[in-house]
Protein backbone atom coordinates (compact mmCIF):
# COMPACT_ATOMS: atom_id res chain seq x y z
CA MET A 1 34.48 155.97 70.33
CA ALA A 2 37.33 153.71 70.74
CA SER A 3 39.19 156.59 72.48
CA VAL A 4 37.13 155.52 75.89
CA HIS A 5 38.42 152.05 75.48
CA ILE A 6 42.40 153.19 74.63
CA LEU A 7 41.79 155.63 78.20
CA TRP A 8 41.43 152.60 80.35
CA LEU A 9 43.82 150.69 78.96
CA LEU A 10 46.23 153.50 79.75
CA SER A 11 44.59 153.89 82.98
CA ILE A 12 45.52 150.46 84.44
CA GLN A 13 49.44 151.00 83.09
CA PHE A 14 48.94 153.83 85.53
CA PHE A 15 48.32 152.33 88.43
CA MET A 16 50.21 149.24 88.21
CA LEU A 17 53.69 152.32 87.52
CA VAL A 18 52.09 153.38 90.49
CA ALA A 19 52.43 150.26 92.64
CA ARG A 20 55.91 149.83 91.17
CA ILE A 21 57.41 153.28 91.62
CA TYR A 22 55.74 153.27 95.28
CA GLY A 23 56.30 149.55 96.38
CA ALA A 24 53.25 147.43 97.06
CA LYS A 25 51.44 148.80 100.18
CA ILE A 26 49.88 145.75 100.04
CA PRO A 27 51.65 142.51 100.82
CA ALA A 28 48.46 140.28 99.75
CA ILE A 29 45.38 140.27 98.33
CA ILE A 30 42.88 137.81 100.02
CA VAL A 31 39.95 136.99 98.58
CA PHE A 32 36.62 135.01 99.50
CA GLY A 33 33.06 134.75 97.53
CA ASP A 34 31.27 133.41 94.27
CA SER A 35 32.20 131.98 90.91
CA SER A 36 33.59 135.70 90.04
CA VAL A 37 35.97 134.94 92.25
CA ASP A 38 36.90 131.38 92.28
CA ALA A 39 39.86 130.47 90.65
CA GLY A 40 39.29 126.51 90.87
CA ASN A 41 38.78 125.84 94.65
CA ASN A 42 35.55 123.86 93.02
CA ASN A 43 38.01 121.65 91.00
CA PHE A 44 38.39 119.82 94.13
CA ILE A 45 35.43 119.20 95.81
CA PRO A 46 32.14 117.29 94.83
CA THR A 47 29.85 119.65 92.78
CA ILE A 48 28.91 120.23 89.27
CA ALA A 49 29.58 123.61 89.29
CA ARG A 50 32.92 123.18 87.65
CA SER A 51 35.16 125.28 84.70
CA ASN A 52 38.47 122.96 84.87
CA PHE A 53 37.87 121.78 81.17
CA GLN A 54 38.26 123.78 77.48
CA PRO A 55 36.75 126.13 76.34
CA TYR A 56 36.86 128.03 79.94
CA GLY A 57 40.43 129.20 79.89
CA ARG A 58 41.58 129.20 76.32
CA ASP A 59 43.02 132.61 76.91
CA PHE A 60 44.45 131.85 80.37
CA ASN A 61 48.29 131.15 79.73
CA GLY A 62 48.01 129.79 76.33
CA GLY A 63 44.72 127.71 77.28
CA GLN A 64 44.88 126.33 80.61
CA PRO A 65 41.10 125.59 82.37
CA THR A 66 42.01 126.49 85.78
CA GLY A 67 38.27 126.59 87.23
CA ARG A 68 37.73 130.43 86.91
CA PHE A 69 34.45 131.07 84.91
CA SER A 70 35.84 132.90 82.07
CA ASN A 71 38.10 132.67 78.62
CA GLY A 72 41.06 134.24 80.67
CA ARG A 73 41.60 136.04 83.95
CA ILE A 74 38.95 137.30 86.74
CA ALA A 75 38.84 140.57 88.05
CA THR A 76 40.84 140.06 91.09
CA ASP A 77 43.75 138.71 89.15
CA PHE A 78 44.20 141.80 87.33
CA ILE A 79 43.39 143.48 90.84
CA SER A 80 46.26 142.02 92.12
CA GLU A 81 48.44 142.70 89.33
CA ALA A 82 47.29 146.71 89.80
CA PHE A 83 48.63 146.28 93.15
CA GLY A 84 52.09 145.11 91.77
CA LEU A 85 51.28 141.69 92.81
CA LYS A 86 51.28 138.17 91.33
CA ARG A 87 49.05 138.18 87.86
CA ALA A 88 46.90 135.32 88.87
CA ILE A 89 45.58 134.67 92.50
CA PRO A 90 45.45 130.69 93.08
CA ALA A 91 42.83 128.71 94.69
CA TYR A 92 43.58 127.39 97.91
CA LEU A 93 42.64 124.27 97.73
CA ASP A 94 44.98 123.76 94.59
CA PRO A 95 47.51 121.04 95.73
CA THR A 96 49.93 122.33 92.79
CA TYR A 97 50.55 125.62 95.56
CA SER A 98 52.13 125.69 98.69
CA ILE A 99 51.92 128.59 101.34
CA SER A 100 54.87 130.21 99.63
CA ASP A 101 52.58 131.13 96.74
CA PHE A 102 49.64 131.92 98.71
CA ALA A 103 51.73 134.23 100.95
CA THR A 104 50.72 137.07 98.55
CA GLY A 105 47.47 135.97 97.21
CA VAL A 106 45.24 133.18 97.41
CA THR A 107 40.89 132.71 97.11
CA PHE A 108 38.75 130.99 99.03
CA ALA A 109 35.95 131.55 96.71
CA SER A 110 33.43 128.83 95.86
CA ALA A 111 31.40 129.48 92.38
CA GLY A 112 27.67 128.61 93.11
CA THR A 113 28.13 129.96 96.66
CA GLY A 114 26.22 133.28 98.57
CA TYR A 115 26.05 134.42 102.39
CA ASP A 116 23.09 132.47 102.33
CA ASN A 117 24.06 128.74 103.85
CA ALA A 118 21.08 127.43 101.69
CA THR A 119 22.18 128.94 98.40
CA SER A 120 25.72 126.89 98.72
CA ASP A 121 23.21 124.11 99.73
CA VAL A 122 21.83 124.12 96.09
CA LEU A 123 25.34 123.25 93.75
CA SER A 124 26.87 121.37 96.90
CA VAL A 125 29.43 123.92 97.03
CA ILE A 126 31.83 125.75 100.24
CA PRO A 127 29.74 128.06 102.21
CA VAL A 128 31.17 131.43 102.98
CA TRP A 129 31.30 129.93 106.47
CA LYS A 130 33.67 127.17 105.53
CA GLU A 131 35.63 129.68 103.65
CA LEU A 132 36.47 131.76 106.77
CA GLU A 133 37.55 128.48 108.11
CA TYR A 134 39.86 127.94 105.53
CA TYR A 135 41.09 131.84 106.16
CA LYS A 136 42.17 130.45 109.40
CA ASP A 137 43.60 127.37 108.62
CA TYR A 138 45.80 129.95 106.18
CA GLN A 139 46.64 131.99 109.13
CA ARG A 140 48.11 129.25 111.06
CA ARG A 141 50.14 127.90 107.94
CA LEU A 142 51.17 131.48 107.24
CA ARG A 143 52.48 132.02 110.93
CA ALA A 144 54.63 128.79 110.55
CA HIS A 145 55.81 129.68 107.46
CA LEU A 146 56.43 133.35 108.07
CA GLY A 147 56.74 133.66 111.57
CA THR A 148 54.04 135.02 114.05
CA SER A 149 54.65 138.33 113.34
CA GLN A 150 55.54 139.05 109.95
CA ALA A 151 52.38 136.53 109.07
CA ASN A 152 50.25 139.06 111.42
CA GLU A 153 51.59 141.88 109.53
CA VAL A 154 50.57 140.50 106.07
CA ILE A 155 47.32 139.54 107.43
CA SER A 156 46.58 143.03 108.91
CA GLN A 157 48.53 144.85 105.73
CA ALA A 158 46.51 142.41 103.18
CA LEU A 159 43.25 143.70 101.27
CA HIS A 160 40.62 141.37 101.79
CA LEU A 161 38.18 140.99 98.94
CA ILE A 162 34.70 139.67 99.40
CA SER A 163 32.19 139.11 95.97
CA VAL A 164 29.03 137.50 96.92
CA GLY A 165 25.48 138.01 96.59
CA THR A 166 24.27 137.33 93.19
CA ASN A 167 23.50 133.58 93.62
CA ASP A 168 21.85 133.98 96.74
CA PHE A 169 18.74 135.94 94.73
CA LEU A 170 18.75 134.05 91.46
CA GLU A 171 20.36 130.25 92.19
CA ASN A 172 18.12 130.40 95.43
CA TYR A 173 15.58 132.96 96.56
CA TYR A 174 13.67 133.54 92.81
CA THR A 175 14.65 129.66 91.84
CA LEU A 176 13.08 127.51 94.96
CA SER A 177 10.65 128.04 97.38
CA GLY A 178 12.13 127.70 100.65
CA ARG A 179 13.36 131.43 101.23
CA SER A 180 10.79 133.15 99.20
CA SER A 181 8.31 131.10 101.83
CA GLN A 182 9.76 133.08 104.78
CA TYR A 183 11.07 136.59 103.34
CA THR A 184 9.86 138.97 101.36
CA ILE A 185 12.30 140.18 98.93
CA LYS A 186 13.23 143.42 101.20
CA GLU A 187 13.65 141.17 104.46
CA TYR A 188 15.73 138.52 103.05
CA GLN A 189 18.06 141.47 101.92
CA THR A 190 18.43 142.61 105.47
CA PHE A 191 18.76 139.02 106.36
CA LEU A 192 21.79 138.65 103.55
CA VAL A 193 23.22 141.99 104.97
CA GLY A 194 22.82 140.80 108.55
CA ILE A 195 24.97 137.96 106.86
CA ALA A 196 27.66 140.15 105.12
CA GLY A 197 28.27 142.35 108.42
CA HIS A 198 28.91 139.19 110.44
CA PHE A 199 31.42 138.13 108.13
CA THR A 200 33.42 141.17 107.88
CA LYS A 201 33.35 141.40 111.50
CA ALA A 202 35.00 137.97 111.84
CA LEU A 203 37.95 139.15 109.24
CA TYR A 204 38.27 142.14 111.54
CA ASP A 205 38.28 139.97 115.04
CA LEU A 206 40.86 137.84 112.74
CA GLY A 207 43.03 140.77 112.32
CA ALA A 208 42.15 142.32 108.74
CA ARG A 209 41.93 146.13 108.78
CA LYS A 210 41.64 146.51 104.69
CA ILE A 211 38.62 145.02 103.31
CA SER A 212 36.48 145.61 100.29
CA LEU A 213 33.07 144.66 100.21
CA GLY A 214 31.64 144.29 96.35
CA GLY A 215 28.16 144.93 95.12
CA LEU A 216 26.18 142.96 92.86
CA PRO A 217 25.90 143.18 89.33
CA PRO A 218 23.87 144.32 86.95
CA MET A 219 21.80 140.63 87.32
CA GLY A 220 18.87 141.12 84.67
CA CYS A 221 21.78 141.87 82.09
CA MET A 222 22.98 138.42 82.26
CA PRO A 223 22.34 136.49 78.93
CA LEU A 224 20.60 134.17 81.23
CA GLU A 225 18.21 136.33 82.41
CA ARG A 226 17.61 137.83 78.96
CA THR A 227 16.77 134.89 77.34
CA GLY A 228 14.27 133.98 80.03
CA ASN A 229 12.70 137.66 79.20
CA LEU A 230 10.51 136.78 76.26
CA MET A 231 8.01 139.21 77.39
CA GLY A 232 10.19 141.69 77.29
CA GLY A 233 12.02 141.49 73.93
CA SER A 234 15.16 139.26 75.50
CA GLU A 235 16.30 143.23 76.93
CA CYS A 236 17.81 143.34 80.67
CA VAL A 237 15.09 142.28 83.39
CA ASP A 238 14.75 145.74 84.95
CA SER A 239 13.38 144.16 88.45
CA TYR A 240 16.71 142.06 88.95
CA ASN A 241 19.07 145.58 87.94
CA ASN A 242 16.64 147.61 90.62
CA LEU A 243 17.20 144.83 93.26
CA ALA A 244 20.70 144.76 92.83
CA VAL A 245 20.93 148.90 93.81
CA GLU A 246 18.57 148.63 96.17
CA PHE A 247 20.43 145.86 97.82
CA ASN A 248 24.00 147.55 96.72
CA SER A 249 23.01 150.44 98.85
CA LYS A 250 21.97 148.56 101.84
CA LEU A 251 25.55 147.14 101.66
CA LYS A 252 26.86 150.77 101.19
CA ASP A 253 25.57 151.90 104.14
CA LEU A 254 26.81 148.95 106.30
CA VAL A 255 30.17 149.70 105.17
CA ILE A 256 29.66 153.08 107.04
CA LYS A 257 28.71 151.62 109.82
CA GLN A 258 30.85 149.05 110.36
CA ASN A 259 33.72 151.69 109.53
CA LYS A 260 32.75 153.80 112.48
CA GLU A 261 32.07 150.81 114.64
CA PHE A 262 35.45 148.92 114.12
CA HIS A 263 38.73 150.69 115.30
CA GLY A 264 41.56 150.36 113.46
CA MET A 265 39.90 149.35 110.41
CA LYS A 266 39.61 150.84 106.73
CA MET A 267 36.40 148.99 104.52
CA VAL A 268 35.39 149.92 101.19
CA PHE A 269 32.63 149.46 98.98
CA SER A 270 33.56 148.09 95.27
CA ASN A 271 30.64 148.19 93.23
CA PRO A 272 30.17 147.02 89.82
CA TYR A 273 27.14 147.88 88.78
CA ASP A 274 27.31 151.26 87.00
CA ILE A 275 30.46 150.21 84.81
CA LEU A 276 29.00 147.37 83.74
CA MET A 277 25.72 149.13 82.69
CA GLU A 278 27.82 151.81 81.08
CA ILE A 279 29.27 148.77 78.93
CA GLU A 280 25.98 147.47 78.38
CA ARG A 281 24.28 150.71 77.02
CA LYS A 282 27.78 151.90 75.18
CA PRO A 283 29.81 149.02 74.28
CA ALA A 284 31.35 150.13 71.26
CA ALA A 285 32.99 152.39 73.56
CA TYR A 286 34.54 149.53 75.34
CA GLY A 287 35.51 147.56 72.11
CA PHE A 288 32.28 145.59 72.41
CA GLU A 289 30.28 144.44 70.01
CA VAL A 290 27.88 141.50 70.82
CA THR A 291 26.29 142.06 74.39
CA GLY A 292 23.05 140.21 74.79
CA VAL A 293 24.21 136.99 74.55
CA ALA A 294 27.32 135.24 75.36
CA CYS A 295 30.74 134.43 73.41
CA CYS A 296 30.24 130.10 74.21
CA ALA A 297 27.93 128.25 72.83
CA THR A 298 24.77 129.78 71.78
CA GLY A 299 25.10 132.25 74.49
CA MET A 300 22.06 132.16 75.59
CA PHE A 301 21.40 129.61 78.68
CA GLU A 302 25.27 127.83 78.90
CA MET A 303 27.26 127.76 81.31
CA GLY A 304 29.35 125.34 83.37
CA TYR A 305 29.15 121.66 81.43
CA ALA A 306 26.66 123.12 78.94
CA CYS A 307 29.38 125.47 77.52
CA SER A 308 30.84 122.76 76.28
CA ARG A 309 34.27 122.78 73.74
CA MET A 310 32.73 120.56 71.16
CA ASN A 311 29.42 123.08 70.83
CA PRO A 312 30.08 124.59 67.16
CA PHE A 313 28.50 127.72 67.96
CA THR A 314 31.02 129.19 70.41
CA CYS A 315 32.97 132.28 69.13
CA SER A 316 36.28 132.74 67.70
CA ASP A 317 36.66 136.06 69.41
CA ALA A 318 35.72 136.16 73.17
CA ASN A 319 37.22 140.10 72.78
CA LYS A 320 34.19 141.11 70.95
CA TYR A 321 32.17 139.77 74.09
CA VAL A 322 31.04 141.24 77.00
CA PHE A 323 30.01 137.77 78.30
CA TRP A 324 31.85 134.75 78.40
CA ASP A 325 28.51 132.13 79.36
CA SER A 326 25.94 132.76 80.09
CA PHE A 327 26.15 134.18 83.92
CA HIS A 328 29.91 135.46 83.78
CA PRO A 329 32.01 137.83 81.96
CA THR A 330 34.76 137.59 79.89
CA GLN A 331 38.41 138.37 80.57
CA LYS A 332 38.01 142.06 78.80
CA THR A 333 35.19 143.09 80.77
CA ASN A 334 36.74 141.49 84.03
CA GLY A 335 39.87 143.56 83.33
CA ILE A 336 37.55 146.75 82.75
CA VAL A 337 35.69 146.40 85.82
CA ALA A 338 38.66 145.65 87.97
CA ASN A 339 40.05 148.79 86.56
CA TYR A 340 36.97 150.63 87.30
CA VAL A 341 37.24 149.40 91.43
CA VAL A 342 40.83 150.07 91.93
CA LYS A 343 40.18 153.20 90.37
CA THR A 344 36.90 154.54 92.24
CA ALA A 345 37.32 152.14 95.23
CA LEU A 346 40.37 150.71 95.82
CA SER A 347 43.18 153.44 95.13
CA THR A 348 43.16 154.59 98.46
CA PHE A 349 44.92 151.09 99.97
CA LEU A 350 47.50 152.04 96.93
């Protein structure tokens, strides 16, 4: 069973070697989204949706909490490394970094956000339209730093990654009464896909030509959702997983449609669903021992400030766990997912 895990590690090394041998065709990784790809932007806004404290980051550069919702690196960090770039992508709002750091990679993501502005309002985080405004500011600074011609080349050749959507359903639609009273779940999906389409078109209009639109994970298998599924024996919530599959299909159709419409653009659909479900079904094959609960605290419902360094229940070895807190994967899981999407979608840009 361990052989599968070894193969994954070898394939990660292979893609890194390819990037080094042939030179990076991607000069920068530019990221938009939610907590799956936030490297610390929320540290610098007034919100409780933060993770810039231990035990978060305990396996990141010797135990440094950065604002990443994991014990270590997140998927986009691994993707950047696979493309021969930096090992960790910095947060745009972090004042310890400058435009020279951001020139090869930056994330505008904000934990707790969604496609829907109403989702970002729940925890007072950065809405996706504001992430786009930060991107425009980044372009202005990049042109001042590199010169207009070189900056425009970086922008057109950079890989723009989008990872968002889970909060729209779990934090907003199924938790609050607003959107669920306005839309059926199918109508809400259509509403969100429309926003996603406007967002990718805005990126295209700003010069982006290489885009990855990320899909939803199996939301029903997050420990938080399993904890609430008492009648189902704390197993995965099938209805949420089925919803993720349905929404991902709509996003994939959007990618196909816009690739036909936008001249010179290459957009791919990066889907984490299948690999995460495979890990859920065959954890030992990937070196995991625990899937149903997370490493931090009791592993059933804690995230953010509830995931305290003082909690005596936090596990000692996060590598045995698929999830770090009740909503977010461990560094090990992030690495496996990143490798999977590089192989199945992003390799077209190598």
